[in-house]
């Protein structure tokens, strides 16, 4: 069971344990995230996974933007599209 206060240990099943220190801002956020009845552990796990997904999406967006702005990549994409259109015509 989670301990209230500035030190929290998360021990879900066979997973590893995470200890973190919280300040007033984090405590307020945890209160908001647990207002629906979720445990502090579940709120933290959910937040970590959401942050990782957001980071992954940001990296993919940056990569896509880089490709979109690369003249060589744009030319290769147009060339491939033309080749695929030619094949489809058959």
N, C-alpha and C. Protein backbone atom coordinates (compact mmCIF):
# COMPACT_ATOMS: atom_id res chain seq x y z
N UNK A 1 0.84 -1.17 0.00
CA UNK A 1 0.00 0.00 0.00
C UNK A 1 0.89 1.24 0.00
N UNK A 2 0.49 2.29 -0.68
CA UNK A 2 1.26 3.51 -0.77
C UNK A 2 1.23 4.27 0.54
N UNK A 3 2.34 4.87 0.86
CA UNK A 3 2.40 5.74 2.03
C UNK A 3 2.10 7.16 1.58
N UNK A 4 1.28 7.87 2.30
CA UNK A 4 1.11 9.28 1.96
C UNK A 4 2.36 10.05 2.35
N UNK A 5 2.57 11.16 1.74
CA UNK A 5 3.69 12.01 2.11
C UNK A 5 4.69 12.14 0.98
N UNK A 6 5.83 12.72 1.30
CA UNK A 6 6.77 13.08 0.25
C UNK A 6 7.58 11.92 -0.31
N UNK A 7 7.52 10.77 0.27
CA UNK A 7 8.28 9.62 -0.24
C UNK A 7 7.29 8.54 -0.62
N UNK A 8 7.38 8.05 -1.85
CA UNK A 8 6.42 7.05 -2.31
C UNK A 8 7.19 5.91 -2.95
N UNK A 9 6.80 4.70 -2.66
CA UNK A 9 7.38 3.52 -3.29
C UNK A 9 6.30 2.85 -4.10
N UNK A 10 6.66 2.50 -5.34
CA UNK A 10 5.71 1.82 -6.21
C UNK A 10 6.19 0.39 -6.37
N UNK A 11 5.36 -0.58 -5.97
CA UNK A 11 5.74 -1.98 -6.08
C UNK A 11 4.61 -2.78 -6.70
N UNK A 12 4.33 -2.58 -8.00
CA UNK A 12 3.26 -3.33 -8.65
C UNK A 12 3.71 -4.74 -9.04
N UNK A 13 3.17 -5.73 -8.39
CA UNK A 13 3.43 -7.12 -8.74
C UNK A 13 4.91 -7.46 -8.78
N UNK A 14 5.35 -8.01 -9.90
CA UNK A 14 6.75 -8.43 -10.06
C UNK A 14 7.62 -7.31 -10.62
N UNK A 15 7.09 -6.13 -10.70
CA UNK A 15 7.84 -5.02 -11.26
C UNK A 15 8.84 -4.49 -10.25
N UNK A 16 9.76 -3.69 -10.75
CA UNK A 16 10.74 -3.09 -9.86
C UNK A 16 10.11 -1.95 -9.07
N UNK A 17 10.80 -1.51 -8.05
CA UNK A 17 10.29 -0.47 -7.18
C UNK A 17 10.92 0.86 -7.57
N UNK A 18 10.13 1.91 -7.50
CA UNK A 18 10.58 3.27 -7.78
C UNK A 18 10.29 4.12 -6.55
N UNK A 19 11.29 4.82 -6.09
CA UNK A 19 11.11 5.74 -4.98
C UNK A 19 11.32 7.14 -5.51
N UNK A 20 10.41 8.04 -5.16
CA UNK A 20 10.59 9.41 -5.61
C UNK A 20 10.18 10.37 -4.53
N UNK A 21 10.77 11.53 -4.58
CA UNK A 21 10.43 12.60 -3.64
C UNK A 21 9.47 13.54 -4.34
N UNK A 22 8.45 13.96 -3.62
CA UNK A 22 7.47 14.86 -4.21
C UNK A 22 7.50 16.20 -3.48
N UNK A 23 7.18 17.23 -4.23
CA UNK A 23 7.03 18.55 -3.63
C UNK A 23 5.54 18.90 -3.63
N UNK A 24 5.22 20.10 -3.22
CA UNK A 24 3.80 20.49 -3.14
C UNK A 24 3.10 20.41 -4.49
N UNK A 25 3.80 20.83 -5.55
CA UNK A 25 3.20 20.81 -6.89
C UNK A 25 2.87 19.38 -7.32
N UNK A 26 3.80 18.46 -7.08
CA UNK A 26 3.58 17.05 -7.44
C UNK A 26 2.47 16.46 -6.58
N UNK A 27 2.44 16.80 -5.30
CA UNK A 27 1.38 16.30 -4.43
C UNK A 27 0.00 16.77 -4.92
N UNK A 28 -0.09 18.05 -5.34
CA UNK A 28 -1.37 18.55 -5.87
C UNK A 28 -1.75 17.79 -7.14
N UNK A 29 -0.77 17.55 -8.00
CA UNK A 29 -1.04 16.81 -9.23
C UNK A 29 -1.49 15.39 -8.92
N UNK A 30 -0.84 14.75 -7.96
CA UNK A 30 -1.24 13.40 -7.57
C UNK A 30 -2.65 13.38 -6.99
N UNK A 31 -2.98 14.39 -6.21
CA UNK A 31 -4.34 14.46 -5.67
C UNK A 31 -5.35 14.56 -6.81
N UNK A 32 -5.04 15.38 -7.81
CA UNK A 32 -5.95 15.52 -8.95
C UNK A 32 -6.05 14.21 -9.73
N UNK A 33 -4.92 13.54 -9.93
CA UNK A 33 -4.90 12.30 -10.70
C UNK A 33 -5.53 11.12 -9.96
N UNK A 34 -5.63 11.22 -8.65
CA UNK A 34 -6.22 10.12 -7.88
C UNK A 34 -7.64 10.45 -7.40
N UNK A 35 -8.17 11.57 -7.81
CA UNK A 35 -9.51 11.98 -7.36
C UNK A 35 -10.59 11.03 -7.87
N UNK A 36 -10.28 10.25 -8.91
CA UNK A 36 -11.25 9.29 -9.45
C UNK A 36 -11.15 7.92 -8.76
N UNK A 37 -10.33 7.83 -7.74
CA UNK A 37 -10.21 6.58 -7.01
C UNK A 37 -8.98 5.76 -7.37
N UNK A 38 -8.24 6.19 -8.37
CA UNK A 38 -7.01 5.47 -8.72
C UNK A 38 -6.00 5.60 -7.59
N UNK A 39 -5.16 4.60 -7.45
CA UNK A 39 -4.10 4.66 -6.45
C UNK A 39 -3.00 5.61 -6.94
N UNK A 40 -2.19 6.05 -6.00
CA UNK A 40 -1.05 6.89 -6.36
C UNK A 40 -0.12 6.14 -7.30
N UNK A 41 0.08 4.86 -7.05
CA UNK A 41 0.95 4.06 -7.90
C UNK A 41 0.42 4.01 -9.33
N UNK A 42 -0.87 3.76 -9.47
CA UNK A 42 -1.46 3.69 -10.81
C UNK A 42 -1.36 5.05 -11.51
N UNK A 43 -1.59 6.12 -10.77
CA UNK A 43 -1.50 7.46 -11.37
C UNK A 43 -0.07 7.73 -11.86
N UNK A 44 0.92 7.34 -11.08
CA UNK A 44 2.32 7.55 -11.48
C UNK A 44 2.66 6.68 -12.68
N UNK A 45 2.27 5.41 -12.66
CA UNK A 45 2.54 4.53 -13.81
C UNK A 45 1.90 5.09 -15.07
N UNK A 46 0.64 5.52 -14.97
CA UNK A 46 -0.06 6.07 -16.12
C UNK A 46 0.65 7.32 -16.64
N UNK A 47 1.08 8.18 -15.72
CA UNK A 47 1.76 9.42 -16.13
C UNK A 47 3.09 9.13 -16.80
N UNK A 48 3.84 8.16 -16.29
CA UNK A 48 5.13 7.80 -16.89
C UNK A 48 4.91 7.26 -18.30
N UNK A 49 3.94 6.38 -18.47
CA UNK A 49 3.67 5.82 -19.79
C UNK A 49 3.18 6.89 -20.76
N UNK A 50 2.35 7.81 -20.29
CA UNK A 50 1.88 8.90 -21.14
C UNK A 50 3.05 9.80 -21.55
N UNK A 51 3.96 10.07 -20.64
CA UNK A 51 5.12 10.90 -20.95
C UNK A 51 6.02 10.21 -21.98
N UNK A 52 6.19 8.90 -21.85
CA UNK A 52 7.01 8.16 -22.82
C UNK A 52 6.36 8.18 -24.19
N UNK A 53 5.04 7.98 -24.25
CA UNK A 53 4.35 8.04 -25.54
C UNK A 53 4.46 9.43 -26.17
N UNK A 54 4.31 10.46 -25.36
CA UNK A 54 4.43 11.83 -25.87
C UNK A 54 5.84 12.09 -26.40
N UNK A 55 6.84 11.60 -25.69
CA UNK A 55 8.21 11.76 -26.15
C UNK A 55 8.44 11.03 -27.47
N UNK A 56 7.92 9.80 -27.57
CA UNK A 56 8.06 9.02 -28.80
C UNK A 56 7.39 9.73 -29.97
N UNK A 57 6.16 10.26 -29.73
CA UNK A 57 5.46 11.00 -30.79
C UNK A 57 6.23 12.25 -31.21
N UNK A 58 6.81 12.95 -30.25
CA UNK A 58 7.58 14.15 -30.56
C UNK A 58 8.81 13.80 -31.41
N UNK A 59 9.46 12.70 -31.08
CA UNK A 59 10.62 12.27 -31.86
C UNK A 59 10.21 11.89 -33.28
N UNK A 60 9.09 11.17 -33.41
CA UNK A 60 8.61 10.80 -34.74
C UNK A 60 8.21 12.03 -35.55
N UNK A 61 7.55 12.99 -34.88
CA UNK A 61 7.19 14.24 -35.56
C UNK A 61 8.43 14.97 -36.06
N UNK A 62 9.45 15.05 -35.22
CA UNK A 62 10.69 15.73 -35.59
C UNK A 62 11.35 15.02 -36.77
N UNK A 63 11.35 13.68 -36.75
CA UNK A 63 11.94 12.92 -37.85
C UNK A 63 11.16 13.16 -39.14
N UNK A 64 9.83 13.14 -39.05
CA UNK A 64 9.00 13.37 -40.23
C UNK A 64 9.22 14.77 -40.78
N UNK A 65 9.32 15.74 -39.90
CA UNK A 65 9.57 17.13 -40.31
C UNK A 65 10.92 17.24 -41.01
N UNK A 66 11.91 16.56 -40.46
CA UNK A 66 13.24 16.57 -41.05
C UNK A 66 13.21 15.97 -42.46
N UNK A 67 12.51 14.85 -42.61
CA UNK A 67 12.39 14.22 -43.93
C UNK A 67 11.64 15.12 -44.91
N UNK A 68 10.59 15.76 -44.42
CA UNK A 68 9.78 16.62 -45.27
C UNK A 68 10.58 17.82 -45.77
N UNK A 69 11.54 18.26 -44.97
CA UNK A 69 12.35 19.43 -45.34
C UNK A 69 13.66 19.08 -46.04
N UNK A 70 13.88 17.80 -46.27
CA UNK A 70 15.12 17.35 -46.93
C UNK A 70 14.84 17.20 -48.43
N UNK A 71 15.44 18.03 -49.26
CA UNK A 71 15.17 17.98 -50.71
C UNK A 71 15.45 16.61 -51.33
N UNK A 72 16.49 15.93 -50.86
CA UNK A 72 16.80 14.60 -51.39
C UNK A 72 15.69 13.60 -51.05
N UNK A 73 15.18 13.66 -49.83
CA UNK A 73 14.09 12.77 -49.43
C UNK A 73 12.81 13.07 -50.20
N UNK A 74 12.53 14.34 -50.40
CA UNK A 74 11.34 14.73 -51.17
C UNK A 74 11.45 14.23 -52.59
N UNK A 75 12.62 14.39 -53.20
CA UNK A 75 12.83 13.92 -54.58
C UNK A 75 12.68 12.40 -54.65
N UNK A 76 13.25 11.68 -53.67
CA UNK A 76 13.14 10.22 -53.67
C UNK A 76 11.68 9.79 -53.51
N UNK A 77 10.94 10.49 -52.68
CA UNK A 77 9.53 10.17 -52.49
C UNK A 77 8.74 10.40 -53.77
N UNK A 78 9.01 11.50 -54.44
CA UNK A 78 8.31 11.79 -55.71
C UNK A 78 8.67 10.74 -56.77
N UNK A 79 9.92 10.33 -56.79
CA UNK A 79 10.36 9.32 -57.74
C UNK A 79 9.65 7.99 -57.47
N UNK A 80 9.57 7.62 -56.23
CA UNK A 80 8.89 6.38 -55.86
C UNK A 80 7.41 6.45 -56.21
N UNK A 81 6.79 7.59 -55.97
CA UNK A 81 5.38 7.76 -56.31
C UNK A 81 5.17 7.60 -57.81
N UNK A 82 6.06 8.18 -58.61
CA UNK A 82 5.95 8.06 -60.08
C UNK A 82 6.11 6.60 -60.50
N UNK A 83 7.05 5.89 -59.88
CA UNK A 83 7.25 4.47 -60.20
C UNK A 83 6.01 3.65 -59.84
N UNK A 84 5.43 3.93 -58.70
CA UNK A 84 4.24 3.20 -58.27
C UNK A 84 3.06 3.51 -59.20
N UNK A 85 2.93 4.78 -59.62
CA UNK A 85 1.87 5.13 -60.57
C UNK A 85 2.05 4.39 -61.89
N UNK A 86 3.30 4.25 -62.33
CA UNK A 86 3.56 3.54 -63.59
C UNK A 86 3.20 2.06 -63.45
N UNK A 87 3.52 1.47 -62.33
CA UNK A 87 3.18 0.06 -62.11
C UNK A 87 1.66 -0.12 -62.05
N UNK A 88 0.99 0.80 -61.40
CA UNK A 88 -0.46 0.71 -61.25
C UNK A 88 -1.17 0.81 -62.62
N UNK A 89 -0.55 1.53 -63.55
CA UNK A 89 -1.13 1.71 -64.88
C UNK A 89 -1.20 0.39 -65.62
N UNK A 90 -0.39 -0.56 -65.27
CA UNK A 90 -0.38 -1.85 -65.95
C UNK A 90 -1.57 -2.61 -65.49
